[in-house]
Structure formats: C-alpha cells, structure tokens
Amino acid sequence: LGQTTDRKEEVIVSSAQNKGVDAYAQLMGEVFGEVARVLKDKGKATVVFHSAKPAVWNALMQAYEKAGFRVQTTSILNKLQTSFKQVVSNVSVKGDPLILLTKNDKLRKTRTYADLDDGIFHEIMRRAHSEHDPQEREPTRLYSRFVSRCLELGVQVSYNAEDFYHRVKATELVA
C-alpha cells in the first residue's frame, strides 16, 4: 500500500537480519498480544501458517499461548498456488494448517511428552490408511495434519518435515 516494511519490525527468521527463532517468538508474541487486545472476549482469530521446522511451530505456539489464546480446532487449507518457498524447497509441506484460536480463560502449559507425540503420529497414520483420497495419504499432507493435531493438544512439534517424511516411509514399509 505504498509503504515499505520496517525490517526491524518484520516478523521473520532470517540470518541476514540477525533474527533467530527467539526473536521470531518475541515478535509473534507482540502480534498475538495486539490481537488479544483488540479481540472481543468471545471473539475468535483464524491463523493460516506454514513451516517445515518444529522450532518455528513451537515459537508460534508459545506466542499465542502467552497472549492468552488456545486452539479451538484446526483444519488444512487447500491452496491452489504454492508459495515461493514451497516451490524452491527440497522439503516442502502441502496444505497449510488453519488454526482457530479463542481467548483462553485457563492458561494451559505446553506439553512435551514424547509418548503423546508418538501417539499423534500413529493416529495420523491410522486415519491416512482409511482415506480414499490419495492426496490425504501424501507425507507432505500428513505432516500438516500432524502439526495441526499437536497444536490442538498443546503438544510441542518435535519433527521437522524431512524427518517426519522418513518416518512415514519407514512405517509404510513395515505395514
């Protein structure tokens, strides 16, 4: 709209800007803090997000939880056009998680239990085997479903996309 982004305020993970995941979490925290400030008490916020890195997902979770939000539900956004990063990356994710946030009366602590993480993986794989749509069984799609379910349960995302894809392939060989 005729204005250039102030790079100091740009919410990004970028070595060129000397901004790591911690800076990203802080900046996202400011964004969600402002959303919480202007949103009515019974209001909801929808977030569409994309990343192949668990640290970025966990920074997002930390930011919205600190601002007083919790995930009410998630879905997957089917985009017709992929992003530039999705086109040029060797490890991309298809279908961006769509997150419905609501103000949270009771703050919950993010959990890091590996058994939940493993259970979520197996839940996603069971659902995939019953799907008739082949797109729903693609590892890139399954990763988005896995991340979405972790966010719904308040469990930190532990897999990056590439490791998740390897686990899916190994599971398919065993099955």
N, C-alpha and C. Protein backbone atom coordinates (compact mmCIF):
# COMPACT_ATOMS: atom_id res chain seq x y z
N LEU A 1 0.83 -1.20 0.00
CA LEU A 1 0.00 0.00 0.00
C LEU A 1 0.87 1.25 0.00
N GLY A 2 1.94 1.17 -0.75
CA GLY A 2 2.80 2.33 -0.88
C GLY A 2 3.79 2.51 0.25
N GLN A 3 3.89 1.53 1.13
CA GLN A 3 4.84 1.64 2.24
C GLN A 3 5.78 0.44 2.23
N THR A 4 6.99 0.68 2.64
CA THR A 4 7.98 -0.38 2.74
C THR A 4 7.98 -0.93 4.16
N THR A 5 8.16 -2.24 4.28
CA THR A 5 8.20 -2.89 5.59
C THR A 5 9.41 -2.40 6.38
N ASP A 6 9.18 -2.03 7.63
CA ASP A 6 10.27 -1.68 8.53
C ASP A 6 10.94 -2.99 8.93
N ARG A 7 12.15 -3.24 8.46
CA ARG A 7 12.83 -4.52 8.68
C ARG A 7 13.06 -4.82 10.16
N LYS A 8 13.12 -3.80 11.00
CA LYS A 8 13.28 -4.03 12.44
C LYS A 8 12.04 -4.69 13.02
N GLU A 9 10.88 -4.38 12.45
CA GLU A 9 9.62 -4.92 12.96
C GLU A 9 9.13 -6.12 12.17
N GLU A 10 9.85 -6.49 11.10
CA GLU A 10 9.44 -7.61 10.27
C GLU A 10 9.53 -8.91 11.07
N VAL A 11 8.45 -9.68 11.09
CA VAL A 11 8.40 -10.94 11.83
C VAL A 11 8.90 -12.03 10.90
N ILE A 12 10.16 -12.41 11.10
CA ILE A 12 10.81 -13.34 10.20
C ILE A 12 11.99 -14.01 10.91
N VAL A 13 12.30 -15.24 10.49
CA VAL A 13 13.54 -15.88 10.90
C VAL A 13 14.49 -15.66 9.74
N SER A 14 15.56 -14.91 9.99
CA SER A 14 16.46 -14.54 8.90
C SER A 14 17.87 -14.29 9.43
N SER A 15 18.83 -15.06 8.93
CA SER A 15 20.22 -14.82 9.34
C SER A 15 20.70 -13.48 8.78
N ALA A 16 20.20 -13.08 7.62
CA ALA A 16 20.58 -11.79 7.03
C ALA A 16 20.15 -10.63 7.91
N GLN A 17 19.03 -10.79 8.62
CA GLN A 17 18.55 -9.75 9.51
C GLN A 17 18.96 -10.02 10.96
N ASN A 18 19.75 -11.07 11.16
CA ASN A 18 20.20 -11.45 12.50
C ASN A 18 19.02 -11.70 13.44
N LYS A 19 18.00 -12.39 12.91
CA LYS A 19 16.82 -12.73 13.70
C LYS A 19 16.66 -14.24 13.71
N GLY A 20 16.80 -14.81 14.90
CA GLY A 20 16.63 -16.25 15.07
C GLY A 20 15.22 -16.56 15.55
N VAL A 21 15.02 -17.79 15.96
CA VAL A 21 13.70 -18.24 16.39
C VAL A 21 13.25 -17.51 17.66
N ASP A 22 14.19 -17.18 18.56
CA ASP A 22 13.80 -16.46 19.78
C ASP A 22 13.25 -15.07 19.46
N ALA A 23 13.91 -14.37 18.55
CA ALA A 23 13.42 -13.05 18.12
C ALA A 23 12.06 -13.20 17.44
N TYR A 24 11.94 -14.23 16.65
CA TYR A 24 10.68 -14.51 15.96
C TYR A 24 9.55 -14.73 16.97
N ALA A 25 9.83 -15.53 18.01
CA ALA A 25 8.82 -15.80 19.04
C ALA A 25 8.41 -14.51 19.74
N GLN A 26 9.38 -13.67 20.04
CA GLN A 26 9.06 -12.40 20.70
C GLN A 26 8.19 -11.51 19.82
N LEU A 27 8.57 -11.40 18.54
CA LEU A 27 7.80 -10.56 17.62
C LEU A 27 6.39 -11.12 17.41
N MET A 28 6.28 -12.45 17.28
CA MET A 28 4.96 -13.06 17.14
C MET A 28 4.14 -12.85 18.41
N GLY A 29 4.81 -12.88 19.56
CA GLY A 29 4.14 -12.61 20.83
C GLY A 29 3.52 -11.22 20.84
N GLU A 30 4.24 -10.25 20.28
CA GLU A 30 3.71 -8.88 20.19
C GLU A 30 2.49 -8.84 19.27
N VAL A 31 2.56 -9.57 18.17
CA VAL A 31 1.43 -9.63 17.23
C VAL A 31 0.19 -10.21 17.93
N PHE A 32 0.36 -11.38 18.57
CA PHE A 32 -0.78 -12.02 19.24
C PHE A 32 -1.25 -11.20 20.44
N GLY A 33 -0.35 -10.50 21.10
CA GLY A 33 -0.75 -9.62 22.18
C GLY A 33 -1.69 -8.52 21.69
N GLU A 34 -1.38 -7.98 20.53
CA GLU A 34 -2.23 -6.94 19.94
C GLU A 34 -3.57 -7.54 19.48
N VAL A 35 -3.53 -8.73 18.91
CA VAL A 35 -4.77 -9.40 18.51
C VAL A 35 -5.65 -9.62 19.74
N ALA A 36 -5.06 -10.08 20.82
CA ALA A 36 -5.82 -10.32 22.06
C ALA A 36 -6.39 -9.01 22.60
N ARG A 37 -5.64 -7.94 22.47
CA ARG A 37 -6.10 -6.64 22.97
C ARG A 37 -7.35 -6.15 22.23
N VAL A 38 -7.39 -6.33 20.92
CA VAL A 38 -8.50 -5.77 20.14
C VAL A 38 -9.66 -6.75 19.94
N LEU A 39 -9.44 -8.03 20.23
CA LEU A 39 -10.48 -9.03 20.03
C LEU A 39 -11.46 -9.04 21.21
N LYS A 40 -12.73 -9.11 20.90
CA LYS A 40 -13.73 -9.21 21.97
C LYS A 40 -13.52 -10.50 22.75
N ASP A 41 -14.02 -10.53 23.99
CA ASP A 41 -13.80 -11.69 24.86
C ASP A 41 -14.25 -13.00 24.25
N LYS A 42 -15.34 -13.02 23.55
CA LYS A 42 -15.84 -14.26 22.94
C LYS A 42 -15.43 -14.37 21.47
N GLY A 43 -14.54 -13.47 21.04
CA GLY A 43 -14.09 -13.46 19.66
C GLY A 43 -13.13 -14.59 19.36
N LYS A 44 -12.92 -14.81 18.09
CA LYS A 44 -12.02 -15.87 17.64
C LYS A 44 -11.09 -15.28 16.58
N ALA A 45 -9.92 -15.87 16.47
CA ALA A 45 -8.95 -15.45 15.46
C ALA A 45 -8.55 -16.67 14.65
N THR A 46 -8.45 -16.48 13.36
CA THR A 46 -8.02 -17.56 12.48
C THR A 46 -6.61 -17.26 11.98
N VAL A 47 -5.76 -18.26 12.05
CA VAL A 47 -4.38 -18.12 11.62
C VAL A 47 -4.08 -19.21 10.60
N VAL A 48 -3.52 -18.83 9.48
CA VAL A 48 -3.03 -19.80 8.49
C VAL A 48 -1.52 -19.71 8.57
N PHE A 49 -0.87 -20.84 8.74
CA PHE A 49 0.56 -20.82 8.99
C PHE A 49 1.24 -21.96 8.26
N HIS A 50 2.52 -21.75 7.95
CA HIS A 50 3.28 -22.75 7.20
C HIS A 50 4.72 -22.76 7.69
N SER A 51 5.23 -23.92 8.00
CA SER A 51 6.65 -24.10 8.30
C SER A 51 6.97 -25.58 8.25
N ALA A 52 8.22 -25.88 7.95
CA ALA A 52 8.70 -27.27 7.96
C ALA A 52 9.59 -27.51 9.18
N LYS A 53 9.69 -26.49 10.06
CA LYS A 53 10.61 -26.58 11.19
C LYS A 53 9.86 -26.54 12.52
N PRO A 54 10.12 -27.54 13.37
CA PRO A 54 9.40 -27.57 14.65
C PRO A 54 9.68 -26.37 15.54
N ALA A 55 10.89 -25.81 15.49
CA ALA A 55 11.20 -24.67 16.34
C ALA A 55 10.30 -23.47 16.01
N VAL A 56 9.97 -23.32 14.74
CA VAL A 56 9.10 -22.22 14.33
C VAL A 56 7.67 -22.49 14.79
N TRP A 57 7.21 -23.73 14.65
CA TRP A 57 5.87 -24.08 15.13
C TRP A 57 5.76 -23.85 16.64
N ASN A 58 6.79 -24.25 17.36
CA ASN A 58 6.77 -24.11 18.81
C ASN A 58 6.84 -22.64 19.23
N ALA A 59 7.55 -21.83 18.45
CA ALA A 59 7.58 -20.38 18.71
C ALA A 59 6.20 -19.79 18.51
N LEU A 60 5.51 -20.23 17.46
CA LEU A 60 4.15 -19.77 17.22
C LEU A 60 3.24 -20.15 18.38
N MET A 61 3.33 -21.41 18.82
CA MET A 61 2.51 -21.88 19.93
C MET A 61 2.80 -21.08 21.20
N GLN A 62 4.06 -20.87 21.48
CA GLN A 62 4.45 -20.09 22.66
C GLN A 62 3.87 -18.68 22.58
N ALA A 63 3.92 -18.08 21.40
CA ALA A 63 3.45 -16.71 21.23
C ALA A 63 1.95 -16.58 21.46
N TYR A 64 1.15 -17.47 20.86
CA TYR A 64 -0.29 -17.31 21.05
C TYR A 64 -0.75 -17.73 22.43
N GLU A 65 -0.08 -18.73 23.02
CA GLU A 65 -0.45 -19.12 24.39
C GLU A 65 -0.11 -18.02 25.39
N LYS A 66 1.04 -17.39 25.23
CA LYS A 66 1.45 -16.31 26.12
C LYS A 66 0.47 -15.13 26.03
N ALA A 67 -0.10 -14.93 24.85
CA ALA A 67 -1.08 -13.85 24.66
C ALA A 67 -2.46 -14.23 25.19
N GLY A 68 -2.63 -15.47 25.64
CA GLY A 68 -3.89 -15.89 26.23
C GLY A 68 -4.83 -16.61 25.27
N PHE A 69 -4.28 -17.17 24.21
CA PHE A 69 -5.10 -17.92 23.26
C PHE A 69 -4.87 -19.41 23.43
N ARG A 70 -5.88 -20.18 23.00
CA ARG A 70 -5.74 -21.63 22.89
C ARG A 70 -6.36 -22.03 21.55
N VAL A 71 -5.97 -23.20 21.08
CA VAL A 71 -6.51 -23.70 19.82
C VAL A 71 -7.86 -24.34 20.09
N GLN A 72 -8.87 -23.86 19.39
CA GLN A 72 -10.19 -24.48 19.50
C GLN A 72 -10.30 -25.65 18.54
N THR A 73 -9.82 -25.45 17.33
CA THR A 73 -9.83 -26.53 16.33
C THR A 73 -8.86 -26.16 15.21
N THR A 74 -8.54 -27.14 14.39
CA THR A 74 -7.67 -26.91 13.23
C THR A 74 -8.26 -27.59 12.00
N SER A 75 -7.76 -27.17 10.87
CA SER A 75 -8.09 -27.79 9.60
C SER A 75 -6.89 -27.58 8.68
N ILE A 76 -7.03 -28.00 7.45
CA ILE A 76 -5.96 -27.80 6.48
C ILE A 76 -6.51 -26.94 5.34
N LEU A 77 -5.78 -25.90 4.99
CA LEU A 77 -6.16 -25.03 3.89
C LEU A 77 -5.59 -25.61 2.60
N ASN A 78 -6.45 -25.92 1.67
CA ASN A 78 -6.01 -26.41 0.37
C ASN A 78 -5.75 -25.21 -0.52
N LYS A 79 -4.48 -24.95 -0.77
CA LYS A 79 -4.13 -23.81 -1.62
C LYS A 79 -3.96 -24.30 -3.05
N LEU A 80 -4.45 -23.52 -3.98
CA LEU A 80 -4.27 -23.86 -5.38
C LEU A 80 -2.88 -23.47 -5.86
N GLN A 81 -2.32 -22.42 -5.26
CA GLN A 81 -1.00 -21.96 -5.66
C GLN A 81 -0.06 -22.08 -4.47
N THR A 82 1.10 -22.70 -4.70
CA THR A 82 2.08 -22.86 -3.62
C THR A 82 2.88 -21.58 -3.46
N SER A 83 3.49 -21.45 -2.28
CA SER A 83 4.33 -20.29 -2.01
C SER A 83 5.67 -20.46 -2.71
N PHE A 84 6.43 -19.38 -2.78
CA PHE A 84 7.76 -19.42 -3.38
C PHE A 84 8.64 -20.43 -2.65
N LYS A 85 8.60 -20.41 -1.31
CA LYS A 85 9.41 -21.36 -0.53
C LYS A 85 9.01 -22.80 -0.82
N GLN A 86 7.72 -23.06 -1.00
CA GLN A 86 7.27 -24.42 -1.28
C GLN A 86 7.77 -24.88 -2.64
N VAL A 87 7.92 -23.96 -3.57
CA VAL A 87 8.37 -24.32 -4.91
C VAL A 87 9.87 -24.61 -4.93
N VAL A 88 10.68 -23.80 -4.24
CA VAL A 88 12.13 -23.93 -4.33
C VAL A 88 12.73 -24.84 -3.26
N SER A 89 11.97 -25.23 -2.26
CA SER A 89 12.50 -26.04 -1.17
C SER A 89 12.49 -27.52 -1.51
N ASN A 90 13.54 -28.22 -1.04
CA ASN A 90 13.59 -29.68 -1.19
C ASN A 90 12.60 -30.36 -0.26
N VAL A 91 12.33 -29.73 0.87
CA VAL A 91 11.43 -30.29 1.88
C VAL A 91 10.29 -29.31 2.08
N SER A 92 9.21 -29.51 1.36
CA SER A 92 8.08 -28.60 1.48
C SER A 92 6.92 -29.32 2.15
N VAL A 93 5.94 -28.52 2.53
CA VAL A 93 4.74 -29.01 3.18
C VAL A 93 3.58 -28.58 2.30
N LYS A 94 2.63 -29.47 2.08
CA LYS A 94 1.47 -29.11 1.27
C LYS A 94 0.25 -29.03 2.16
N GLY A 95 -0.49 -27.98 2.01
CA GLY A 95 -1.66 -27.77 2.84
C GLY A 95 -1.24 -27.09 4.13
N ASP A 96 -1.57 -25.84 4.27
CA ASP A 96 -1.19 -25.09 5.46
C ASP A 96 -2.20 -25.31 6.57
N PRO A 97 -1.73 -25.58 7.79
CA PRO A 97 -2.67 -25.66 8.90
C PRO A 97 -3.44 -24.35 9.08
N LEU A 98 -4.71 -24.50 9.27
CA LEU A 98 -5.64 -23.41 9.52
C LEU A 98 -6.04 -23.56 10.99
N ILE A 99 -5.72 -22.55 11.79
CA ILE A 99 -5.85 -22.66 13.24
C ILE A 99 -6.89 -21.67 13.74
N LEU A 100 -7.90 -22.17 14.44
CA LEU A 100 -8.91 -21.30 15.04
C LEU A 100 -8.55 -21.11 16.50
N LEU A 101 -8.23 -19.87 16.86
CA LEU A 101 -7.84 -19.53 18.23
C LEU A 101 -8.99 -18.85 18.95
N THR A 102 -9.08 -19.13 20.23
CA THR A 102 -10.08 -18.48 21.08
C THR A 102 -9.36 -18.00 22.33
N LYS A 103 -9.90 -16.96 22.95
CA LYS A 103 -9.30 -16.49 24.19
C LYS A 103 -9.46 -17.57 25.23
N ASN A 104 -8.44 -17.75 26.02
CA ASN A 104 -8.38 -18.86 26.97
C ASN A 104 -8.53 -18.34 28.39
N ASP A 105 -9.57 -18.79 29.09
CA ASP A 105 -9.75 -18.41 30.49
C ASP A 105 -8.70 -19.07 31.37
N LYS A 106 -8.37 -20.30 31.04
CA LYS A 106 -7.41 -21.07 31.84
C LYS A 106 -6.18 -21.34 30.98
N LEU A 107 -5.08 -20.74 31.35
CA LEU A 107 -3.86 -20.97 30.57
C LEU A 107 -3.36 -22.38 30.81
N ARG A 108 -3.04 -23.06 29.73
CA ARG A 108 -2.51 -24.42 29.87
C ARG A 108 -1.04 -24.39 29.49
N LYS A 109 -0.30 -25.26 30.09
CA LYS A 109 1.12 -25.33 29.80
C LYS A 109 1.34 -26.26 28.62
N THR A 110 2.18 -25.82 27.69
CA THR A 110 2.52 -26.65 26.54
C THR A 110 3.23 -27.91 27.03
N ARG A 111 2.81 -29.03 26.47
CA ARG A 111 3.38 -30.32 26.89
C ARG A 111 4.44 -30.78 25.90
N THR A 112 5.41 -31.51 26.39
CA THR A 112 6.49 -32.01 25.54
C THR A 112 6.63 -33.53 25.64
N TYR A 113 5.58 -34.22 26.00
CA TYR A 113 5.67 -35.65 26.23
C TYR A 113 5.84 -36.43 24.94
N ALA A 114 6.93 -37.20 24.86
CA ALA A 114 7.22 -37.98 23.66
C ALA A 114 6.14 -39.01 23.38
N ASP A 115 5.52 -39.57 24.42
CA ASP A 115 4.50 -40.59 24.19
C ASP A 115 3.28 -39.99 23.49
N LEU A 116 2.95 -38.75 23.80
CA LEU A 116 1.85 -38.08 23.09
C LEU A 116 2.23 -37.87 21.64
N ASP A 117 3.46 -37.45 21.41
CA ASP A 117 3.96 -37.21 20.07
C ASP A 117 3.87 -38.49 19.24
N ASP A 118 4.31 -39.60 19.81
CA ASP A 118 4.26 -40.89 19.13
C ASP A 118 2.81 -41.30 18.87
N GLY A 119 1.96 -41.09 19.86
CA GLY A 119 0.54 -41.41 19.70
C GLY A 119 -0.11 -40.59 18.60
N ILE A 120 0.26 -39.32 18.52
CA ILE A 120 -0.29 -38.45 17.47
C ILE A 120 0.15 -38.96 16.11
N PHE A 121 1.41 -39.34 15.99
CA PHE A 121 1.92 -39.87 14.72
C PHE A 121 1.09 -41.08 14.29
N HIS A 122 0.88 -42.02 15.20
CA HIS A 122 0.14 -43.24 14.86
C HIS A 122 -1.34 -42.94 14.57
N GLU A 123 -1.91 -41.98 15.27
CA GLU A 123 -3.30 -41.56 14.99
C GLU A 123 -3.41 -41.02 13.56
N ILE A 124 -2.47 -40.18 13.17
CA ILE A 124 -2.47 -39.60 11.82
C ILE A 124 -2.30 -40.70 10.78
N MET A 125 -1.43 -41.65 11.03
CA MET A 125 -1.20 -42.74 10.08
C MET A 125 -2.43 -43.64 9.95
N ARG A 126 -3.11 -43.93 11.07
CA ARG A 126 -4.34 -44.75 11.02
C ARG A 126 -5.40 -44.06 10.17
N ARG A 127 -5.57 -42.77 10.39
CA ARG A 127 -6.56 -42.03 9.61
C ARG A 127 -6.21 -42.03 8.13
N ALA A 128 -4.92 -41.89 7.83
CA ALA A 128 -4.48 -41.84 6.44
C ALA A 128 -4.80 -43.13 5.70
N HIS A 129 -4.64 -44.26 6.38
CA HIS A 129 -4.90 -45.55 5.73
C HIS A 129 -6.37 -45.75 5.40
N SER A 130 -7.25 -45.04 6.08
CA SER A 130 -8.69 -45.17 5.80
C SER A 130 -9.19 -44.13 4.79
N GLU A 131 -8.31 -43.23 4.37
CA GLU A 131 -8.71 -42.18 3.42
C GLU A 131 -8.80 -42.73 2.00
N HIS A 132 -9.81 -42.28 1.28
CA HIS A 132 -9.97 -42.68 -0.12
C HIS A 132 -9.23 -41.74 -1.06
N ASP A 133 -9.01 -40.51 -0.62
CA ASP A 133 -8.33 -39.50 -1.43
C ASP A 133 -6.82 -39.70 -1.29
N PRO A 134 -6.12 -40.04 -2.38
CA PRO A 134 -4.67 -40.29 -2.30
C PRO A 134 -3.88 -39.08 -1.78
N GLN A 135 -4.37 -37.88 -2.04
CA GLN A 135 -3.70 -36.67 -1.55
C GLN A 135 -3.61 -36.67 -0.02
N GLU A 136 -4.60 -37.24 0.64
CA GLU A 136 -4.63 -37.28 2.10
C GLU A 136 -3.62 -38.26 2.68
N ARG A 137 -3.01 -39.08 1.82
CA ARG A 137 -2.01 -40.05 2.28
C ARG A 137 -0.58 -39.62 1.95
N GLU A 138 -0.44 -38.47 1.29
CA GLU A 138 0.90 -37.97 0.94
C GLU A 138 1.62 -37.48 2.20
N PRO A 139 2.91 -37.81 2.34
CA PRO A 139 3.65 -37.37 3.52
C PRO A 139 3.58 -35.86 3.75
N THR A 140 3.60 -35.07 2.67
CA THR A 140 3.54 -33.62 2.83
C THR A 140 2.23 -33.19 3.48
N ARG A 141 1.16 -33.86 3.14
CA ARG A 141 -0.15 -33.57 3.72
C ARG A 141 -0.22 -34.09 5.17
N LEU A 142 0.33 -35.28 5.38
CA LEU A 142 0.31 -35.87 6.72
C LEU A 142 1.07 -35.01 7.72
N TYR A 143 2.14 -34.37 7.27
CA TYR A 143 2.89 -33.50 8.18
C TYR A 143 2.01 -32.34 8.65
N SER A 144 1.26 -31.75 7.75
CA SER A 144 0.34 -30.67 8.13
C SER A 144 -0.70 -31.17 9.12
N ARG A 145 -1.20 -32.36 8.92
CA ARG A 145 -2.17 -32.95 9.85
C ARG A 145 -1.51 -33.21 11.22
N PHE A 146 -0.29 -33.70 11.20
CA PHE A 146 0.44 -33.97 12.44
C PHE A 146 0.63 -32.68 13.24
N VAL A 147 1.11 -31.63 12.57
CA VAL A 147 1.33 -30.34 13.23
C VAL A 147 0.02 -29.82 13.79
N SER A 148 -1.04 -29.88 13.00
CA SER A 148 -2.35 -29.40 13.44
C SER A 148 -2.81 -30.10 14.70
N ARG A 149 -2.64 -31.41 14.74
CA ARG A 149 -3.08 -32.18 15.91
C ARG A 149 -2.23 -31.84 17.14
N CYS A 150 -0.93 -31.66 16.94
CA CYS A 150 -0.06 -31.24 18.06
C CYS A 150 -0.54 -29.90 18.62
N LEU A 151 -0.87 -28.96 17.74
CA LEU A 151 -1.33 -27.65 18.19
C LEU A 151 -2.65 -27.76 18.95
N GLU A 152 -3.56 -28.60 18.45
CA GLU A 152 -4.85 -28.79 19.14
C GLU A 152 -4.66 -29.30 20.56
N LEU A 153 -3.68 -30.19 20.74
CA LEU A 153 -3.46 -30.81 22.04
C LEU A 153 -2.47 -30.04 22.91
N GLY A 154 -1.86 -28.99 22.35
CA GLY A 154 -0.87 -28.23 23.10
C GLY A 154 0.42 -28.99 23.31
N VAL A 155 0.77 -29.83 22.34
CA VAL A 155 1.99 -30.63 22.41
C VAL A 155 3.00 -30.02 21.45
N GLN A 156 4.22 -29.81 21.93
CA GLN A 156 5.25 -29.25 21.07
C GLN A 156 5.49 -30.14 19.87
N VAL A 157 5.71 -29.51 18.72
CA VAL A 157 6.03 -30.23 17.49
C VAL A 157 7.49 -30.65 17.59
N SER A 158 7.75 -31.94 17.40
CA SER A 158 9.12 -32.44 17.58
C SER A 158 9.78 -32.84 16.27
N TYR A 159 9.03 -33.04 15.22
CA TYR A 159 9.60 -33.45 13.94
C TYR A 159 9.70 -32.28 12.99
N ASN A 160 10.82 -32.19 12.27
CA ASN A 160 10.81 -31.30 11.12
C ASN A 160 10.20 -32.11 9.98
N ALA A 161 9.86 -31.45 8.90
CA ALA A 161 9.15 -32.13 7.82
C ALA A 161 9.96 -33.29 7.25
N GLU A 162 11.24 -33.08 7.03
CA GLU A 162 12.06 -34.14 6.42
C GLU A 162 12.10 -35.40 7.27
N ASP A 163 12.32 -35.25 8.59
CA ASP A 163 12.34 -36.42 9.49
C ASP A 163 10.98 -37.10 9.53
N PHE A 164 9.93 -36.32 9.50
CA PHE A 164 8.58 -36.88 9.51
C PHE A 164 8.36 -37.72 8.25
N TYR A 165 8.78 -37.20 7.09
CA TYR A 165 8.61 -37.94 5.83
C TYR A 165 9.35 -39.27 5.87
N HIS A 166 10.55 -39.27 6.46
CA HIS A 166 11.31 -40.53 6.59
C HIS A 166 10.57 -41.52 7.48
N ARG A 167 9.99 -41.02 8.55
CA ARG A 167 9.26 -41.92 9.46
C ARG A 167 8.02 -42.48 8.77
N VAL A 168 7.33 -41.66 7.99
CA VAL A 168 6.16 -42.14 7.25
C VAL A 168 6.58 -43.26 6.29
N LYS A 169 7.65 -43.04 5.56
CA LYS A 169 8.11 -44.07 4.61
C LYS A 169 8.53 -45.34 5.31
N ALA A 170 9.19 -45.23 6.46
CA ALA A 170 9.61 -46.40 7.22
C ALA A 170 8.39 -47.15 7.75
N THR A 171 7.37 -46.41 8.17
CA THR A 171 6.14 -47.03 8.68
C THR A 171 5.40 -47.76 7.57
N GLU A 172 5.41 -47.17 6.37
CA GLU A 172 4.74 -47.81 5.23
C GLU A 172 5.42 -49.11 4.85
N LEU A 173 6.75 -49.18 4.99
CA LEU A 173 7.47 -50.40 4.67
C LEU A 173 7.14 -51.52 5.63
N VAL A 174 6.92 -51.15 6.90
CA VAL A 174 6.59 -52.13 7.94
C VAL A 174 5.15 -52.60 7.80
N ALA A 175 4.26 -51.70 7.44
CA ALA A 175 2.82 -52.01 7.40
C ALA A 175 2.45 -52.99 6.34
